[in-house]
Amino acid sequence: MKASELREMTGDDLRARIKERQDDIIHFRMQQATGIVDNVRLAREARRDIARIKTILRERELSAAKGTQ
């Protein structure tokens, strides 16, 4: 998912998206343990999406803190 699409989402939606992507990683690891992997890039994409979302949440947090000072 692109960062521009993520920036349009609310904070709650972003947190829910993080949870979904973490579940995807867990599911991937289970598939890997059983030897049945559908998409080998799934874990990498999920980790990168989580990083993008956390970056956007942090940017919002910092901008809110700047506005109050």
N, C-alpha and C. Protein backbone atom coordinates (compact mmCIF):
# COMPACT_ATOMS: atom_id res chain seq x y z
N MET A 1 0.84 -1.17 0.00
CA MET A 1 0.00 0.00 0.00
C MET A 1 0.89 1.24 0.00
N LYS A 2 0.49 2.23 -0.72
CA LYS A 2 1.28 3.44 -0.85
C LYS A 2 1.07 4.36 0.36
N ALA A 3 2.09 5.14 0.64
CA ALA A 3 2.04 6.04 1.78
C ALA A 3 0.95 7.10 1.60
N SER A 4 0.73 7.54 0.37
CA SER A 4 -0.31 8.54 0.13
C SER A 4 -1.69 8.00 0.47
N GLU A 5 -1.91 6.72 0.21
CA GLU A 5 -3.19 6.10 0.56
C GLU A 5 -3.33 5.97 2.08
N LEU A 6 -2.22 5.67 2.74
CA LEU A 6 -2.25 5.51 4.18
C LEU A 6 -2.48 6.84 4.88
N ARG A 7 -1.95 7.92 4.33
CA ARG A 7 -2.10 9.24 4.95
C ARG A 7 -3.55 9.70 4.96
N GLU A 8 -4.36 9.17 4.06
CA GLU A 8 -5.77 9.55 3.99
C GLU A 8 -6.60 8.84 5.06
N MET A 9 -6.04 7.81 5.69
CA MET A 9 -6.77 7.03 6.69
C MET A 9 -6.68 7.69 8.06
N THR A 10 -7.63 7.34 8.93
CA THR A 10 -7.62 7.85 10.29
C THR A 10 -6.64 7.03 11.13
N GLY A 11 -6.35 7.52 12.32
CA GLY A 11 -5.44 6.82 13.21
C GLY A 11 -5.94 5.44 13.60
N ASP A 12 -7.24 5.34 13.86
CA ASP A 12 -7.81 4.04 14.23
C ASP A 12 -7.73 3.04 13.07
N ASP A 13 -7.97 3.53 11.87
CA ASP A 13 -7.86 2.66 10.69
C ASP A 13 -6.43 2.17 10.51
N LEU A 14 -5.48 3.06 10.76
CA LEU A 14 -4.07 2.68 10.62
C LEU A 14 -3.67 1.63 11.65
N ARG A 15 -4.16 1.80 12.88
CA ARG A 15 -3.84 0.82 13.91
C ARG A 15 -4.46 -0.54 13.58
N ALA A 16 -5.66 -0.52 13.02
CA ALA A 16 -6.30 -1.77 12.60
C ALA A 16 -5.52 -2.41 11.46
N ARG A 17 -4.98 -1.59 10.57
CA ARG A 17 -4.20 -2.11 9.44
C ARG A 17 -2.90 -2.75 9.95
N ILE A 18 -2.29 -2.15 10.99
CA ILE A 18 -1.09 -2.75 11.58
C ILE A 18 -1.42 -4.14 12.11
N LYS A 19 -2.53 -4.26 12.80
CA LYS A 19 -2.94 -5.55 13.37
C LYS A 19 -3.15 -6.58 12.25
N GLU A 20 -3.79 -6.17 11.16
CA GLU A 20 -4.00 -7.08 10.03
C GLU A 20 -2.68 -7.56 9.44
N ARG A 21 -1.76 -6.63 9.26
CA ARG A 21 -0.47 -6.99 8.67
C ARG A 21 0.35 -7.87 9.60
N GLN A 22 0.25 -7.66 10.92
CA GLN A 22 0.92 -8.53 11.87
C GLN A 22 0.33 -9.94 11.80
N ASP A 23 -0.98 -10.02 11.64
CA ASP A 23 -1.62 -11.33 11.49
C ASP A 23 -1.16 -12.01 10.20
N ASP A 24 -0.95 -11.22 9.15
CA ASP A 24 -0.44 -11.78 7.90
C ASP A 24 0.94 -12.39 8.08
N ILE A 25 1.78 -11.71 8.87
CA ILE A 25 3.12 -12.22 9.12
C ILE A 25 3.05 -13.53 9.91
N ILE A 26 2.19 -13.58 10.91
CA ILE A 26 2.03 -14.81 11.69
C ILE A 26 1.54 -15.94 10.81
N HIS A 27 0.59 -15.64 9.95
CA HIS A 27 0.06 -16.65 9.04
C HIS A 27 1.14 -17.15 8.09
N PHE A 28 1.96 -16.23 7.59
CA PHE A 28 3.06 -16.60 6.71
C PHE A 28 4.04 -17.53 7.42
N ARG A 29 4.36 -17.20 8.66
CA ARG A 29 5.31 -18.04 9.41
C ARG A 29 4.74 -19.44 9.65
N MET A 30 3.44 -19.53 9.85
CA MET A 30 2.81 -20.85 10.00
C MET A 30 2.91 -21.63 8.69
N GLN A 31 2.65 -20.96 7.59
CA GLN A 31 2.77 -21.61 6.29
C GLN A 31 4.20 -22.07 6.04
N GLN A 32 5.15 -21.24 6.42
CA GLN A 32 6.55 -21.56 6.21
C GLN A 32 6.95 -22.77 7.05
N ALA A 33 6.42 -22.87 8.25
CA ALA A 33 6.75 -23.99 9.13
C ALA A 33 6.19 -25.30 8.59
N THR A 34 5.03 -25.24 7.94
CA THR A 34 4.41 -26.45 7.39
C THR A 34 4.90 -26.74 5.98
N GLY A 35 5.63 -25.81 5.38
CA GLY A 35 6.18 -26.05 4.06
C GLY A 35 5.25 -25.67 2.93
N ILE A 36 4.14 -24.99 3.23
CA ILE A 36 3.18 -24.58 2.20
C ILE A 36 3.14 -23.05 2.16
N VAL A 37 3.96 -22.46 1.33
CA VAL A 37 4.02 -21.01 1.23
C VAL A 37 3.42 -20.58 -0.10
N ASP A 38 2.37 -19.75 -0.02
CA ASP A 38 1.71 -19.27 -1.24
C ASP A 38 2.49 -18.12 -1.87
N ASN A 39 2.82 -17.14 -1.07
CA ASN A 39 3.47 -15.94 -1.57
C ASN A 39 4.70 -15.66 -0.71
N VAL A 40 5.87 -15.81 -1.29
CA VAL A 40 7.10 -15.65 -0.51
C VAL A 40 7.41 -14.20 -0.17
N ARG A 41 6.82 -13.26 -0.88
CA ARG A 41 7.07 -11.84 -0.63
C ARG A 41 6.11 -11.24 0.39
N LEU A 42 5.15 -12.03 0.84
CA LEU A 42 4.12 -11.52 1.74
C LEU A 42 4.71 -10.94 3.03
N ALA A 43 5.64 -11.64 3.64
CA ALA A 43 6.20 -11.18 4.90
C ALA A 43 6.96 -9.86 4.71
N ARG A 44 7.75 -9.76 3.66
CA ARG A 44 8.50 -8.53 3.41
C ARG A 44 7.55 -7.36 3.18
N GLU A 45 6.52 -7.56 2.37
CA GLU A 45 5.56 -6.49 2.11
C GLU A 45 4.83 -6.09 3.38
N ALA A 46 4.48 -7.06 4.21
CA ALA A 46 3.78 -6.77 5.45
C ALA A 46 4.67 -5.96 6.39
N ARG A 47 5.93 -6.35 6.52
CA ARG A 47 6.85 -5.60 7.39
C ARG A 47 7.03 -4.17 6.90
N ARG A 48 7.13 -4.00 5.61
CA ARG A 48 7.30 -2.65 5.06
C ARG A 48 6.04 -1.81 5.25
N ASP A 49 4.87 -2.42 5.10
CA ASP A 49 3.62 -1.70 5.34
C ASP A 49 3.53 -1.26 6.80
N ILE A 50 3.91 -2.15 7.72
CA ILE A 50 3.88 -1.81 9.14
C ILE A 50 4.81 -0.62 9.40
N ALA A 51 5.99 -0.63 8.81
CA ALA A 51 6.94 0.47 8.99
C ALA A 51 6.37 1.78 8.44
N ARG A 52 5.74 1.72 7.28
CA ARG A 52 5.13 2.93 6.70
C ARG A 52 4.05 3.49 7.63
N ILE A 53 3.21 2.60 8.13
CA ILE A 53 2.11 3.04 8.99
C ILE A 53 2.65 3.65 10.27
N LYS A 54 3.64 3.01 10.88
CA LYS A 54 4.20 3.55 12.12
C LYS A 54 4.87 4.90 11.87
N THR A 55 5.49 5.08 10.73
CA THR A 55 6.10 6.35 10.38
C THR A 55 5.05 7.44 10.27
N ILE A 56 3.94 7.15 9.62
CA ILE A 56 2.87 8.12 9.47
C ILE A 56 2.26 8.48 10.82
N LEU A 57 2.04 7.48 11.67
CA LEU A 57 1.50 7.75 13.01
C LEU A 57 2.46 8.63 13.81
N ARG A 58 3.75 8.38 13.69
CA ARG A 58 4.74 9.18 14.41
C ARG A 58 4.78 10.61 13.87
N GLU A 59 4.67 10.76 12.56
CA GLU A 59 4.63 12.11 11.98
C GLU A 59 3.45 12.89 12.52
N ARG A 60 2.31 12.24 12.61
CA ARG A 60 1.11 12.90 13.14
C ARG A 60 1.31 13.27 14.61
N GLU A 61 1.93 12.38 15.36
CA GLU A 61 2.18 12.64 16.77
C GLU A 61 3.10 13.84 16.95
N LEU A 62 4.15 13.91 16.15
CA LEU A 62 5.09 15.02 16.25
C LEU A 62 4.46 16.33 15.81
N SER A 63 3.64 16.30 14.76
CA SER A 63 3.00 17.53 14.31
C SER A 63 1.99 18.03 15.34
N ALA A 64 1.32 17.11 16.02
CA ALA A 64 0.38 17.51 17.07
C ALA A 64 1.13 18.11 18.26
N ALA A 65 2.29 17.55 18.59
CA ALA A 65 3.08 18.08 19.69
C ALA A 65 3.64 19.46 19.36
N LYS A 66 4.02 19.67 18.11
CA LYS A 66 4.52 20.98 17.69
C LYS A 66 3.42 22.03 17.79
N GLY A 67 2.22 21.64 17.42
CA GLY A 67 1.11 22.58 17.44
C GLY A 67 0.72 23.01 18.84
N THR A 68 0.97 22.18 19.84
CA THR A 68 0.59 22.54 21.20
C THR A 68 1.67 23.36 21.91
N GLN A 69 2.85 23.40 21.39
CA GLN A 69 3.93 24.16 22.07
C GLN A 69 4.00 25.57 21.61
